[in-house]
N, C-alpha and C. Protein backbone atom coordinates (compact mmCIF):
# COMPACT_ATOMS: atom_id res chain seq x y z
N ASP A 1 0.77 -1.35 0.12
CA ASP A 1 -0.22 -0.31 0.08
C ASP A 1 0.73 1.24 -0.28
N HIS A 2 1.04 1.90 -1.12
CA HIS A 2 1.41 3.34 -1.09
C HIS A 2 1.76 4.00 -0.01
N ARG A 3 0.07 4.15 0.84
CA ARG A 3 -0.12 5.21 2.14
C ARG A 3 1.11 4.73 3.31
N LEU A 4 1.72 3.18 3.02
CA LEU A 4 2.87 2.86 4.54
C LEU A 4 4.24 3.11 4.03
N HIS A 5 4.45 4.13 2.93
CA HIS A 5 5.85 4.81 2.20
C HIS A 5 6.10 5.97 2.93
N SER A 6 5.09 6.19 3.86
CA SER A 6 5.10 7.67 4.35
C SER A 6 6.24 8.03 5.38
N PRO A 7 6.51 9.18 5.70
CA PRO A 7 7.81 9.04 6.68
C PRO A 7 7.23 8.43 8.10
N MET A 8 6.34 8.94 8.67
CA MET A 8 5.69 8.22 9.68
C MET A 8 5.72 6.12 9.81
N TYR A 9 5.53 6.11 9.19
CA TYR A 9 6.03 4.81 9.00
C TYR A 9 7.38 4.20 8.72
N PHE A 10 8.09 4.84 8.19
CA PHE A 10 9.48 4.86 7.96
C PHE A 10 10.32 4.56 9.18
N LEU A 11 9.73 5.64 9.82
CA LEU A 11 10.50 6.07 11.39
C LEU A 11 9.87 4.89 12.34
N LEU A 12 8.61 4.99 12.19
CA LEU A 12 7.93 3.74 13.02
C LEU A 12 8.78 2.44 13.11
N ALA A 13 8.82 1.59 11.51
CA ALA A 13 9.78 0.82 11.03
C ALA A 13 11.52 0.66 11.89
N ASN A 14 11.58 1.54 11.78
CA ASN A 14 13.02 1.68 12.39
C ASN A 14 13.14 1.87 13.89
N LEU A 15 12.00 2.67 14.90
CA LEU A 15 12.01 2.46 15.87
C LEU A 15 11.61 0.69 16.41
N SER A 16 10.81 0.13 15.54
CA SER A 16 10.65 -1.26 15.62
C SER A 16 11.93 -2.28 15.76
N PHE A 17 12.89 -1.65 15.11
CA PHE A 17 14.23 -2.56 14.91
C PHE A 17 14.93 -2.34 15.68
N ILE A 18 14.98 -0.80 16.31
CA ILE A 18 15.75 -0.30 17.49
C ILE A 18 15.38 -0.88 19.09
N ASP A 19 13.97 -1.17 18.85
CA ASP A 19 13.67 -1.76 20.03
C ASP A 19 13.71 -3.05 20.29
N PHE A 20 13.75 -3.96 19.12
CA PHE A 20 13.91 -5.59 19.01
C PHE A 20 15.38 -5.30 18.80
N CYS A 21 16.39 -4.60 18.81
CA CYS A 21 18.04 -5.12 19.11
C CYS A 21 18.21 -4.35 20.78
N LEU A 22 17.38 -3.45 21.19
CA LEU A 22 17.56 -3.28 22.74
C LEU A 22 17.25 -4.15 23.95
N SER A 23 16.11 -4.87 23.04
CA SER A 23 15.49 -5.86 23.95
C SER A 23 16.49 -7.40 23.97
N SER A 24 16.80 -7.48 22.78
CA SER A 24 18.05 -8.49 22.44
C SER A 24 19.38 -8.31 23.16
N VAL A 25 19.16 -7.39 23.47
CA VAL A 25 21.13 -7.31 24.00
C VAL A 25 21.13 -8.09 25.78
N ASN A 26 20.40 -8.06 26.82
CA ASN A 26 20.38 -8.50 27.89
C ASN A 26 19.55 -10.10 27.87
N THR A 27 18.29 -10.15 26.98
CA THR A 27 17.88 -11.39 27.00
C THR A 27 18.71 -12.71 27.14
N PRO A 28 20.08 -12.95 25.78
CA PRO A 28 20.59 -14.20 26.16
C PRO A 28 21.07 -14.26 27.04
N LYS A 29 21.96 -13.42 28.20
CA LYS A 29 22.58 -13.51 28.93
C LYS A 29 21.07 -14.40 30.07
N LEU A 30 20.21 -13.60 30.40
CA LEU A 30 18.79 -13.97 31.27
C LEU A 30 18.98 -15.21 30.72
N ILE A 31 18.55 -15.93 29.64
CA ILE A 31 18.16 -17.35 29.45
C ILE A 31 19.51 -18.24 30.25
N THR A 32 20.39 -17.74 29.34
CA THR A 32 21.64 -18.49 30.23
C THR A 32 21.80 -18.96 31.54
N ASP A 33 21.97 -17.66 31.95
CA ASP A 33 21.31 -17.73 33.00
C ASP A 33 20.25 -18.52 34.38
N LEU A 34 19.16 -18.47 33.62
CA LEU A 34 18.37 -19.30 33.83
C LEU A 34 18.41 -21.01 34.17
N LEU A 35 19.38 -21.31 33.19
CA LEU A 35 19.52 -22.66 32.89
C LEU A 35 21.01 -23.02 33.86
N LYS A 36 22.08 -22.01 34.28
CA LYS A 36 23.04 -22.24 34.86
C LYS A 36 22.92 -22.06 36.17
N ASP A 37 23.74 -23.02 37.10
CA ASP A 37 23.78 -21.97 38.88
C ASP A 37 24.59 -20.99 38.83
N ASN A 38 26.26 -20.52 37.94
CA ASN A 38 26.85 -19.87 37.92
C ASN A 38 26.32 -18.80 36.65
N LYS A 39 25.74 -17.67 38.13
CA LYS A 39 25.34 -16.39 37.48
C LYS A 39 25.53 -14.82 37.36
N THR A 40 27.18 -14.95 36.81
CA THR A 40 27.70 -14.54 37.18
C THR A 40 28.43 -13.81 35.38
N ILE A 41 28.43 -12.61 35.11
CA ILE A 41 29.18 -12.33 34.04
C ILE A 41 30.27 -10.96 34.20
N SER A 42 30.71 -11.87 33.09
CA SER A 42 32.55 -11.37 33.07
C SER A 42 32.79 -10.07 32.91
N PHE A 43 34.13 -9.16 32.94
CA PHE A 43 34.42 -7.89 32.85
C PHE A 43 34.12 -7.69 30.96
N GLY A 44 34.46 -8.40 30.24
CA GLY A 44 34.25 -8.07 28.72
C GLY A 44 32.69 -8.47 28.57
N GLY A 45 31.96 -9.56 29.01
CA GLY A 45 30.64 -9.17 28.74
C GLY A 45 29.76 -8.45 29.23
N CYS A 46 30.41 -7.54 30.48
CA CYS A 46 29.62 -6.21 31.15
C CYS A 46 29.65 -5.17 29.94
N MET A 47 31.06 -5.22 29.75
CA MET A 47 31.77 -4.01 28.77
C MET A 47 30.85 -3.93 27.68
N SER A 48 30.80 -5.06 27.31
CA SER A 48 30.11 -5.27 25.64
C SER A 48 28.72 -5.17 25.74
N GLN A 49 27.84 -5.16 26.97
CA GLN A 49 26.29 -5.23 27.46
C GLN A 49 26.34 -4.19 27.55
N ILE A 50 27.33 -2.74 28.02
CA ILE A 50 26.92 -1.58 28.31
C ILE A 50 27.18 -1.05 27.12
N LEU A 51 28.20 -1.14 25.99
CA LEU A 51 27.96 -0.30 24.94
C LEU A 51 26.75 -0.62 24.26
N CYS A 52 26.31 -1.65 23.96
CA CYS A 52 25.04 -2.14 23.44
C CYS A 52 23.99 -1.30 23.68
N VAL A 53 23.44 -1.44 25.59
CA VAL A 53 22.81 -0.61 25.65
C VAL A 53 22.42 0.61 25.60
N HIS A 54 23.52 1.16 25.94
CA HIS A 54 23.68 2.59 25.30
C HIS A 54 23.79 3.20 23.94
N PHE A 55 24.63 2.19 23.08
CA PHE A 55 24.27 2.46 21.89
C PHE A 55 22.65 2.49 21.16
N PHE A 56 22.18 1.50 21.71
CA PHE A 56 20.41 1.21 21.26
C PHE A 56 19.83 2.37 22.00
N GLY A 57 19.96 2.80 22.93
CA GLY A 57 19.21 3.53 24.00
C GLY A 57 19.37 4.88 23.96
N GLY A 58 20.38 5.27 22.94
CA GLY A 58 20.33 6.85 22.75
C GLY A 58 20.33 7.00 21.57
N GLY A 59 20.07 5.55 20.63
CA GLY A 59 20.19 5.64 19.53
C GLY A 59 18.27 6.31 19.15
N GLU A 60 17.51 5.06 20.18
CA GLU A 60 16.20 5.20 20.22
C GLU A 60 16.00 6.69 20.91
N MET A 61 16.37 7.03 21.86
CA MET A 61 16.30 8.43 22.01
C MET A 61 16.20 9.55 21.25
N VAL A 62 17.12 9.55 20.08
CA VAL A 62 17.27 10.57 19.03
C VAL A 62 16.08 10.19 18.09
N LEU A 63 15.98 9.30 17.67
CA LEU A 63 14.89 8.42 17.44
C LEU A 63 13.44 8.99 17.93
N LEU A 64 13.03 9.01 18.72
CA LEU A 64 11.94 9.52 19.31
C LEU A 64 11.62 10.95 19.30
N VAL A 65 12.48 11.62 19.46
CA VAL A 65 12.52 12.81 18.95
C VAL A 65 13.12 13.27 17.74
N THR A 66 13.07 12.53 17.02
CA THR A 66 12.97 12.81 15.52
C THR A 66 11.75 12.02 15.20
N MET A 67 10.52 11.36 15.28
CA MET A 67 9.56 11.36 15.34
C MET A 67 8.56 12.43 15.90
N ALA A 68 9.32 12.84 16.83
CA ALA A 68 8.12 14.13 17.10
C ALA A 68 8.39 15.22 16.67
N TYR A 69 9.57 15.45 16.00
CA TYR A 69 9.97 16.31 15.08
C TYR A 69 9.07 16.00 13.74
N ASP A 70 8.86 15.01 13.02
CA ASP A 70 8.15 14.61 12.12
C ASP A 70 6.32 14.94 12.21
N ARG A 71 5.74 14.56 13.66
CA ARG A 71 4.23 15.19 13.56
C ARG A 71 4.54 16.21 13.82
N TYR A 72 5.17 16.98 14.44
CA TYR A 72 5.32 18.44 14.73
C TYR A 72 5.10 18.91 13.45
N VAL A 73 5.76 18.58 12.20
CA VAL A 73 6.03 19.21 10.71
C VAL A 73 4.21 18.85 10.29
N ALA A 74 3.88 17.34 10.43
CA ALA A 74 2.67 17.20 10.29
C ALA A 74 1.59 18.05 10.77
N ILE A 75 1.52 18.55 11.99
CA ILE A 75 0.40 19.28 12.36
C ILE A 75 0.57 20.63 12.25
N CYS A 76 1.66 21.50 12.35
CA CYS A 76 1.75 22.73 12.72
C CYS A 76 2.01 23.24 10.99
N ARG A 77 2.72 22.51 10.07
CA ARG A 77 2.77 22.61 8.68
C ARG A 77 2.01 21.60 7.77
N PRO A 78 0.92 21.75 7.91
CA PRO A 78 0.29 20.31 6.99
C PRO A 78 0.57 20.68 5.58
N LEU A 79 0.22 22.13 5.02
CA LEU A 79 0.85 21.99 3.28
C LEU A 79 2.44 21.79 2.71
N HIS A 80 3.06 22.20 4.01
CA HIS A 80 4.49 22.19 3.36
C HIS A 80 5.09 20.40 4.14
N TYR A 81 4.19 19.72 4.67
CA TYR A 81 4.73 18.48 5.04
C TYR A 81 5.76 17.60 4.08
N ALA A 82 4.81 17.39 2.53
CA ALA A 82 5.73 16.26 1.83
C ALA A 82 6.82 16.96 1.49
N SER A 83 7.36 18.71 1.49
CA SER A 83 8.31 19.11 0.94
C SER A 83 9.51 19.39 2.00
N ILE A 84 8.83 19.10 3.57
CA ILE A 84 9.86 18.99 4.38
C ILE A 84 10.33 17.80 4.72
N MET A 85 9.45 16.85 5.05
CA MET A 85 9.85 15.50 5.25
C MET A 85 9.50 14.45 4.28
N ASP A 86 11.03 14.55 3.51
CA ASP A 86 10.75 13.83 2.30
C ASP A 86 11.53 12.61 3.08
N ARG A 87 11.13 12.17 1.69
CA ARG A 87 12.24 10.08 2.21
C ARG A 87 13.75 10.50 2.51
N GLN A 88 14.21 11.08 1.43
CA GLN A 88 15.94 11.62 2.11
C GLN A 88 16.12 12.25 3.17
N LYS A 89 15.24 12.99 4.00
CA LYS A 89 15.48 13.59 4.86
C LYS A 89 15.41 12.75 6.38
N CYS A 90 14.01 11.78 5.96
CA CYS A 90 14.30 10.31 6.83
C CYS A 90 15.48 10.19 7.05
N ILE A 91 15.41 9.10 5.81
CA ILE A 91 16.87 8.76 5.99
C ILE A 91 18.42 9.48 6.56
N TRP A 92 18.45 10.31 6.38
CA TRP A 92 19.75 11.41 7.28
C TRP A 92 18.78 11.66 8.31
N LEU A 93 17.83 11.69 8.91
CA LEU A 93 17.78 11.84 10.52
C LEU A 93 17.55 9.99 11.17
N VAL A 94 17.31 9.35 10.67
CA VAL A 94 17.67 7.97 10.98
C VAL A 94 19.27 7.90 10.97
N LEU A 95 20.19 7.76 10.04
CA LEU A 95 21.12 8.04 10.09
C LEU A 95 21.94 8.47 11.05
N ILE A 96 21.29 10.11 11.31
CA ILE A 96 21.62 10.54 12.48
C ILE A 96 21.46 10.34 13.80
N SER A 97 20.87 9.46 13.65
CA SER A 97 19.86 9.12 15.45
C SER A 97 21.26 7.76 15.48
N TRP A 98 21.48 6.60 14.39
CA TRP A 98 22.31 6.00 14.46
C TRP A 98 23.70 6.27 15.28
N ILE A 99 24.06 7.59 14.20
CA ILE A 99 25.75 7.99 14.96
C ILE A 99 25.37 8.37 16.03
N ILE A 100 24.77 8.95 16.68
CA ILE A 100 24.57 9.90 17.83
C ILE A 100 24.44 8.38 18.88
N GLY A 101 23.61 7.67 18.46
CA GLY A 101 23.56 6.54 19.70
C GLY A 101 25.12 5.62 19.72
N PHE A 102 25.77 5.34 18.33
CA PHE A 102 26.99 5.54 18.68
C PHE A 102 28.07 6.19 19.25
N VAL A 103 28.16 7.31 19.01
CA VAL A 103 29.03 7.97 19.80
C VAL A 103 28.38 8.07 21.02
N HIS A 104 27.16 8.01 21.66
CA HIS A 104 26.83 7.89 22.91
C HIS A 104 27.60 6.77 23.69
N GLY A 105 26.88 5.64 22.66
CA GLY A 105 27.79 4.51 23.40
C GLY A 105 29.12 4.18 23.44
N ILE A 106 29.94 4.24 22.82
CA ILE A 106 31.26 4.59 22.52
C ILE A 106 31.93 5.68 23.95
N SER A 107 31.17 6.95 24.06
CA SER A 107 32.16 7.79 25.28
C SER A 107 31.36 7.02 26.42
N GLN A 108 29.85 6.06 26.82
CA GLN A 108 30.08 5.89 27.84
C GLN A 108 31.02 4.78 28.30
N LEU A 109 31.38 4.00 27.10
CA LEU A 109 32.60 2.64 27.32
C LEU A 109 33.75 3.31 28.07
N LEU A 110 33.95 4.35 27.25
CA LEU A 110 35.56 5.25 27.32
C LEU A 110 35.26 5.31 28.59
N LEU A 111 34.46 5.99 28.96
CA LEU A 111 34.66 6.57 30.69
C LEU A 111 34.77 5.89 31.44
N ILE A 112 33.89 4.37 30.95
CA ILE A 112 33.35 3.55 31.97
C ILE A 112 35.38 2.90 31.98
N LEU A 113 35.61 2.55 30.88
CA LEU A 113 37.30 2.03 31.10
C LEU A 113 38.29 2.61 31.37
N GLU A 114 38.00 3.99 31.83
CA GLU A 114 39.35 4.61 32.71
C GLU A 114 39.13 4.77 34.07
N LEU A 115 37.99 3.99 34.46
CA LEU A 115 37.71 3.98 36.06
C LEU A 115 39.00 3.33 36.08
N PRO A 116 39.11 2.78 37.86
CA PRO A 116 40.10 1.39 38.39
C PRO A 116 39.37 0.51 38.79
N PHE A 117 39.78 -0.75 38.16
CA PHE A 117 38.46 -1.58 38.83
C PHE A 117 39.49 -2.91 39.59
N CYS A 118 39.02 -3.18 40.85
CA CYS A 118 39.85 -4.09 41.35
C CYS A 118 38.75 -5.51 41.61
N GLY A 119 39.77 -6.35 42.42
CA GLY A 119 38.66 -7.29 42.45
C GLY A 119 38.73 -8.50 41.38
N PRO A 120 38.02 -9.47 41.29
CA PRO A 120 38.16 -10.31 40.20
C PRO A 120 37.23 -10.27 39.21
N ARG A 121 36.70 -8.96 38.90
CA ARG A 121 35.94 -8.51 37.50
C ARG A 121 35.00 -9.28 37.08
N VAL A 122 34.41 -9.63 38.35
CA VAL A 122 32.81 -10.79 37.99
C VAL A 122 31.72 -10.06 38.48
N ILE A 123 30.84 -9.93 37.82
CA ILE A 123 29.90 -9.40 38.54
C ILE A 123 28.28 -10.23 38.66
N ASP A 124 28.01 -10.53 39.98
CA ASP A 124 26.85 -11.33 40.33
C ASP A 124 24.89 -10.79 39.99
N SER A 125 25.41 -10.85 37.98
CA SER A 125 23.96 -10.50 37.97
C SER A 125 24.30 -10.78 37.00
N PHE A 126 23.07 -10.77 35.51
CA PHE A 126 23.17 -10.98 34.02
C PHE A 126 22.71 -9.95 33.65
N PHE A 127 22.69 -8.56 34.21
CA PHE A 127 22.43 -7.45 33.34
C PHE A 127 23.67 -6.05 33.91
N CYS A 128 24.32 -6.00 33.57
CA CYS A 128 25.34 -5.02 33.68
C CYS A 128 25.01 -3.23 33.60
N ASP A 129 25.83 -2.52 34.36
CA ASP A 129 25.00 -1.05 33.89
C ASP A 129 26.20 -0.40 34.87
N ILE A 130 26.10 0.52 34.46
CA ILE A 130 27.38 1.93 34.91
C ILE A 130 27.88 1.46 36.68
N PRO A 131 26.54 1.85 37.41
CA PRO A 131 26.63 1.49 39.09
C PRO A 131 27.06 0.44 39.16
N LEU A 132 26.77 -0.78 38.89
CA LEU A 132 27.49 -2.18 39.34
C LEU A 132 28.71 -2.18 38.53
């Protein structure tokens, strides 16, 4: 259907994909911890989980801002909507949200790696975040 090729549905499809990716970060570790007695996460697993959560979470936040801008243009400038939100601009806005998510994730990881760590470098949890 040609109506499904509007900017709103393009942004919704990208939001669905990024939500799927965000929910897939912690799920494999959770499932394996349900089946094992040793329910810890390694230092490398923790760092990769932090990177992925912040990458997808940061990208999702920027994508939600982009979707809010899309709805703002559709409501406040309905006659100019087709010329303001064309396909190329939507692709650029989604690409920018992925880039900002990547920069956010890398910056969080670099800040964490600078911290002094001591002990066995094992966390007794399936989910790893900055306070842990």
